[in-house]
Protein backbone atom coordinates (compact mmCIF):
# COMPACT_ATOMS: atom_id res chain seq x y z
CA MET A 1 -16.17 -4.81 -5.13
CA LYS A 2 -14.47 -3.40 -8.19
CA GLY A 3 -15.82 -4.58 -11.51
CA LEU A 4 -13.50 -6.89 -13.37
CA THR A 5 -14.83 -5.63 -16.71
CA VAL A 6 -13.89 -2.04 -15.94
CA LYS A 7 -10.54 -2.93 -14.50
CA SER A 8 -9.68 -5.20 -17.42
CA LEU A 9 -9.77 -2.16 -19.70
CA ALA A 10 -6.52 -1.07 -18.08
CA ILE A 11 -4.59 -4.26 -18.71
CA GLY A 12 -3.46 -3.52 -22.27
CA ALA A 13 -2.00 -0.18 -21.32
CA LEU A 14 -0.37 -1.63 -18.24
CA VAL A 15 1.26 -4.43 -20.21
CA LEU A 16 2.70 -1.87 -22.62
CA CYS A 17 3.89 0.19 -19.68
CA LEU A 18 5.59 -2.83 -18.14
CA LEU A 19 7.22 -3.86 -21.41
CA VAL A 20 8.89 -0.48 -21.79
CA SER A 21 9.95 -0.58 -18.12
CA ALA A 22 8.22 2.68 -17.37
CA CYS A 23 6.17 1.60 -14.39
CA GLY A 24 8.15 -0.89 -12.37
CA PHE A 25 4.94 -2.42 -10.98
CA MET A 26 6.34 -5.94 -11.11
CA ALA A 27 9.86 -5.36 -9.75
CA SER A 28 10.06 -6.52 -6.15
CA VAL A 29 12.75 -7.39 -3.65
CA PRO A 30 12.59 -11.02 -2.47
CA TRP A 31 10.19 -12.10 0.21
CA ILE A 32 11.62 -12.75 3.66
CA ARG A 33 9.82 -15.89 4.79
CA ASN A 34 12.00 -16.70 7.79
CA ALA A 35 13.33 -13.97 10.06
CA THR A 36 14.69 -13.47 13.54
CA ARG A 37 11.27 -12.07 14.47
CA ASN A 38 8.80 -14.26 12.61
CA ASP A 39 5.96 -12.78 14.66
CA VAL A 40 6.42 -9.42 12.88
CA VAL A 41 5.22 -9.36 9.27
CA ASN A 42 5.24 -6.74 6.50
CA LEU A 43 2.50 -6.81 3.85
CA GLY A 44 1.88 -4.36 1.05
CA ASP A 45 2.81 -3.00 -2.34
CA SER A 46 5.76 -1.43 -4.14
CA ILE A 47 6.23 1.37 -1.60
CA PHE A 48 7.76 -1.39 0.51
CA ALA A 49 8.69 -3.88 -2.20
CA LEU A 50 10.33 -1.98 -5.06
CA SER A 51 13.60 -1.09 -3.32
CA GLY A 52 13.22 -2.74 0.08
CA LYS A 53 14.94 0.25 1.67
CA GLU A 54 12.23 0.83 4.24
CA SER A 55 12.70 -2.71 5.55
CA ASP A 56 16.47 -2.24 5.51
CA TYR A 57 16.19 0.76 7.83
CA LEU A 58 13.80 -1.02 10.20
CA HIS A 59 16.04 -4.08 10.37
CA SER A 60 19.09 -1.93 11.04
CA TRP A 61 17.43 0.07 13.82
CA SER A 62 15.93 -2.98 15.52
CA GLY A 63 18.96 -5.23 15.14
CA GLN A 64 16.51 -7.91 13.99
CA THR A 65 14.75 -8.99 10.79
CA PHE A 66 11.04 -9.18 10.08
CA ARG A 67 9.18 -11.27 7.56
CA ARG A 68 8.23 -9.42 4.34
CA TYR A 69 5.62 -10.45 1.76
CA ALA A 70 5.00 -7.09 0.09
CA VAL A 71 4.82 -7.26 -3.72
CA SER A 72 4.84 -4.50 -6.30
CA GLY A 73 1.47 -4.11 -7.99
CA ALA A 74 -0.49 -5.59 -5.08
CA GLU A 75 -4.03 -4.41 -4.40
CA ILE A 76 -6.10 -4.84 -1.26
CA GLU A 77 -8.22 -7.57 -2.86
CA GLY A 78 -8.12 -9.12 -6.31
CA GLY A 79 -6.04 -7.75 -9.14
CA ILE A 80 -4.11 -9.45 -11.89
CA LEU A 81 -0.56 -8.13 -11.56
CA ALA A 82 0.44 -9.46 -8.13
CA PRO A 83 -0.75 -11.39 -5.07
CA ASP A 84 -3.18 -9.13 -3.25
CA ILE A 85 -2.74 -8.15 0.39
CA GLY A 86 -5.13 -10.84 1.56
CA SER A 87 -3.16 -13.50 -0.32
CA GLN A 88 0.10 -12.22 1.14
CA TYR A 89 -1.39 -12.52 4.61
CA ALA A 90 -2.58 -16.08 3.88
CA THR A 91 0.91 -17.05 2.72
CA ALA A 92 2.47 -15.55 5.83
CA LYS A 93 0.03 -17.52 8.01
CA SER A 94 0.84 -20.68 6.09
CA ASP A 95 4.58 -20.16 6.57
CA ASN A 96 4.26 -19.50 10.29
CA SER A 97 0.91 -18.87 11.93
CA TYR A 98 2.36 -17.17 14.99
CA ILE A 99 1.98 -13.51 13.96
CA ARG A 100 1.44 -10.77 16.51
CA THR A 101 2.37 -7.57 14.66
CA ILE A 102 1.73 -6.51 11.07
CA PHE A 103 2.96 -3.32 9.43
CA MET A 104 1.51 -2.76 6.01
CA ASP A 105 0.05 -0.54 3.35
CA GLY A 106 -2.57 -1.19 0.69
CA GLY A 107 -5.17 0.41 -1.52
CA GLY A 108 -2.90 2.65 -3.56
CA ASN A 109 -2.76 0.35 -6.57
CA ASP A 110 -6.54 -0.06 -6.54
CA ILE A 111 -6.60 3.60 -7.61
CA LEU A 112 -3.28 3.96 -9.42
CA ILE A 113 -3.51 0.97 -11.76
CA PRO A 114 -6.72 2.01 -13.53
CA ALA A 115 -5.81 5.71 -13.33
CA THR A 116 -2.46 5.04 -15.02
CA ALA A 117 -4.20 3.43 -17.97
CA PHE A 118 -7.59 4.80 -19.07
CA ASP A 119 -8.74 6.27 -15.74
CA PRO A 120 -12.17 4.57 -16.02
CA TYR A 121 -13.17 5.76 -12.54
CA ASN A 122 -12.10 9.35 -13.27
CA CYS A 123 -9.79 9.53 -10.26
CA LYS A 124 -7.62 12.21 -11.88
CA VAL A 125 -8.95 15.70 -11.23
CA ASP A 126 -8.12 18.02 -14.12
CA TRP A 127 -8.09 21.79 -13.87
CA TRP A 128 -11.60 22.14 -15.28
CA GLU A 129 -13.14 19.72 -12.77
CA SER A 130 -14.53 20.95 -9.46
CA GLY A 131 -13.58 17.91 -7.40
CA LEU A 132 -13.21 14.17 -7.13
CA SER A 133 -15.75 12.22 -9.16
CA SER A 134 -18.47 10.12 -7.56
CA SER A 135 -17.20 7.06 -9.44
CA CYS A 136 -13.73 7.44 -7.90
CA LYS A 137 -15.23 7.92 -4.46
CA SER A 138 -17.26 4.74 -4.98
CA LEU A 139 -14.09 2.86 -5.93
CA ILE A 140 -12.32 4.10 -2.81
CA ASN A 141 -15.36 3.25 -0.69
CA ASP A 142 -15.09 -0.32 -1.99
CA VAL A 143 -11.43 -0.35 -0.94
CA TYR A 144 -12.53 0.84 2.51
CA VAL A 145 -14.91 -2.13 2.86
CA ASP A 146 -12.26 -4.61 1.68
CA THR A 147 -9.74 -3.13 4.11
CA VAL A 148 -12.10 -3.33 7.08
CA ASP A 149 -12.90 -6.94 6.21
CA LEU A 150 -9.22 -7.85 6.02
CA LEU A 151 -8.31 -6.09 9.26
CA ASN A 152 -11.23 -7.74 11.03
CA GLN A 153 -10.03 -11.14 9.81
CA MET A 154 -6.56 -10.39 11.15
CA GLY A 155 -8.02 -9.48 14.51
CA ARG A 156 -10.13 -12.62 14.71
CA GLU A 157 -7.03 -14.68 13.94
CA GLY A 158 -4.98 -13.26 16.78
CA ILE A 159 -3.08 -10.32 15.31
CA LYS A 160 -2.48 -7.90 18.19
CA ASN A 161 -0.84 -4.91 16.49
CA ILE A 162 -1.60 -3.40 13.09
CA ILE A 163 0.40 -0.44 11.79
CA PHE A 164 -1.10 0.82 8.53
CA GLN A 165 1.03 3.14 6.41
CA GLY A 166 -0.94 5.57 4.23
CA TYR A 167 0.09 7.30 1.02
CA TYR A 168 1.83 10.57 0.17
CA TYR A 169 1.10 12.77 -2.84
CA PRO A 170 2.60 11.68 -6.17
CA LYS A 171 4.52 14.10 -8.34
CA ASN A 172 4.48 14.42 -12.10
CA GLY A 173 6.65 11.69 -13.56
CA LEU A 174 6.59 8.59 -15.71
CA ILE A 175 3.54 7.23 -13.91
CA GLY A 176 2.87 9.78 -11.19
CA SER A 177 0.44 12.65 -11.59
CA THR A 178 -0.37 15.60 -9.38
CA THR A 179 -3.96 15.29 -10.61
CA LEU A 180 -4.32 12.35 -8.18
CA ARG A 181 -3.89 14.55 -5.10
CA GLN A 182 -7.61 14.62 -4.28
CA ALA A 183 -7.84 10.86 -4.71
CA VAL A 184 -4.96 10.48 -2.25
CA ASP A 185 -6.70 12.80 0.20
CA TYR A 186 -9.96 10.89 0.00
CA GLY A 187 -8.17 7.55 0.00
CA ASP A 188 -6.08 8.28 3.08
CA THR A 189 -9.18 9.53 4.88
CA LYS A 190 -11.02 6.29 4.15
CA LEU A 191 -8.03 4.10 5.01
CA ALA A 192 -7.67 5.90 8.35
CA GLN A 193 -11.39 5.30 8.96
CA ALA A 194 -10.94 1.63 8.07
CA VAL A 195 -8.18 1.26 10.64
CA ALA A 196 -10.29 3.04 13.26
CA ASN A 197 -13.53 1.20 12.47
CA ALA A 198 -12.21 -2.36 12.14
CA THR A 199 -13.78 -3.34 15.45
CA ALA A 200 -12.65 -6.97 15.34
CA ALA A 201 -9.06 -6.15 14.47
CA ALA A 202 -6.32 -6.20 17.06
CA ASN A 203 -5.74 -4.42 20.36
CA TYR A 204 -3.47 -1.78 18.84
CA ARG A 205 -4.27 -0.20 15.49
CA VAL A 206 -2.68 2.93 14.11
CA PHE A 207 -2.76 4.75 10.78
CA ILE A 208 0.33 6.64 9.61
CA ASP A 209 -0.18 9.66 7.34
CA PRO A 210 3.06 10.48 5.48
CA ARG A 211 1.67 13.45 3.50
CA PRO A 212 3.00 16.21 5.77
CA TYR A 213 6.55 14.85 5.62
CA PHE A 214 7.09 14.22 1.90
CA THR A 215 8.50 16.57 -0.73
CA ASN A 216 9.13 15.93 -4.42
CA SER A 217 12.77 15.16 -3.64
CA ASP A 218 11.59 12.11 -1.69
CA ILE A 219 10.06 10.55 -4.83
CA ILE A 220 11.95 8.97 -7.73
CA ILE A 221 11.53 9.89 -11.39
CA ASP A 222 8.44 7.72 -11.89
CA GLY A 223 6.51 10.10 -9.66
CA ILE A 224 5.32 7.41 -7.23
CA HIS A 225 8.00 5.46 -5.43
CA PRO A 226 10.22 6.74 -2.62
CA THR A 227 13.84 7.68 -2.96
CA ASP A 228 16.24 6.64 -0.23
CA SER A 229 15.29 9.78 1.71
CA GLY A 230 11.61 8.92 1.25
CA SER A 231 12.12 5.37 2.48
CA TYR A 232 14.00 6.76 5.49
CA LYS A 233 11.07 9.05 6.32
CA LEU A 234 8.55 6.24 5.99
CA ALA A 235 10.67 3.89 8.09
CA SER A 236 11.03 6.57 10.77
CA LEU A 237 7.26 6.99 10.97
CA VAL A 238 6.71 3.23 11.19
CA TRP A 239 9.55 2.77 13.68
CA ALA A 240 7.98 5.23 16.13
CA LYS A 241 4.92 2.97 16.28
CA LEU A 242 6.63 -0.40 15.83
CA GLN A 243 9.44 -0.12 18.36
CA PRO A 244 7.19 -0.09 21.45
CA LYS A 245 5.52 -3.30 20.25
CA LEU A 246 8.69 -5.33 19.75
């Protein structure tokens, strides 16, 4: 588990960032709590929630709507800025417990939020450093454990299909930094392992790696969030796995 004391060091810088509207962590499209396909639920962070474009494409292609609880700033577990992924899942179950398919992301903010502020885990790799720090790897390993636990809970509670969307490389921008590339590599590797190793979770589990498909033109000026073309690419990757399960 991440230490609250270490993470709290980032809050002052994040509040300043939010006040000057540089980060956009808290901006989110509305939840969709009742849909034509209530058994299909989207959980996650601002990759889904900032613009909502990825959902728009999926709804258009399917001719249906899916429930959405993704919130900008969300972490896998805990956090101060937004309901974490576990809380989103609990809310979705409370709204309508009949859920068979979840498409989601998570874990990016667990790295990005502290790195954006004071980088207490040293997840940014500068030119003079040989590789990703042990403290950052430990943080990501904690995220791996939290993710496995959550996916196992979903499986025990009857979720049949889990489609987990990984992360692409950021670009230099208002909050993005190319020095996080190694953290993304290690993070996606561990998230893919979490999906594969969550033995209690679902009959169908798949991890989507968007890194080979993204270019800088698919990311907005903040360096993190997808443009319309980026959302289209992400939706296309999810759709290829989601469509057969509808």
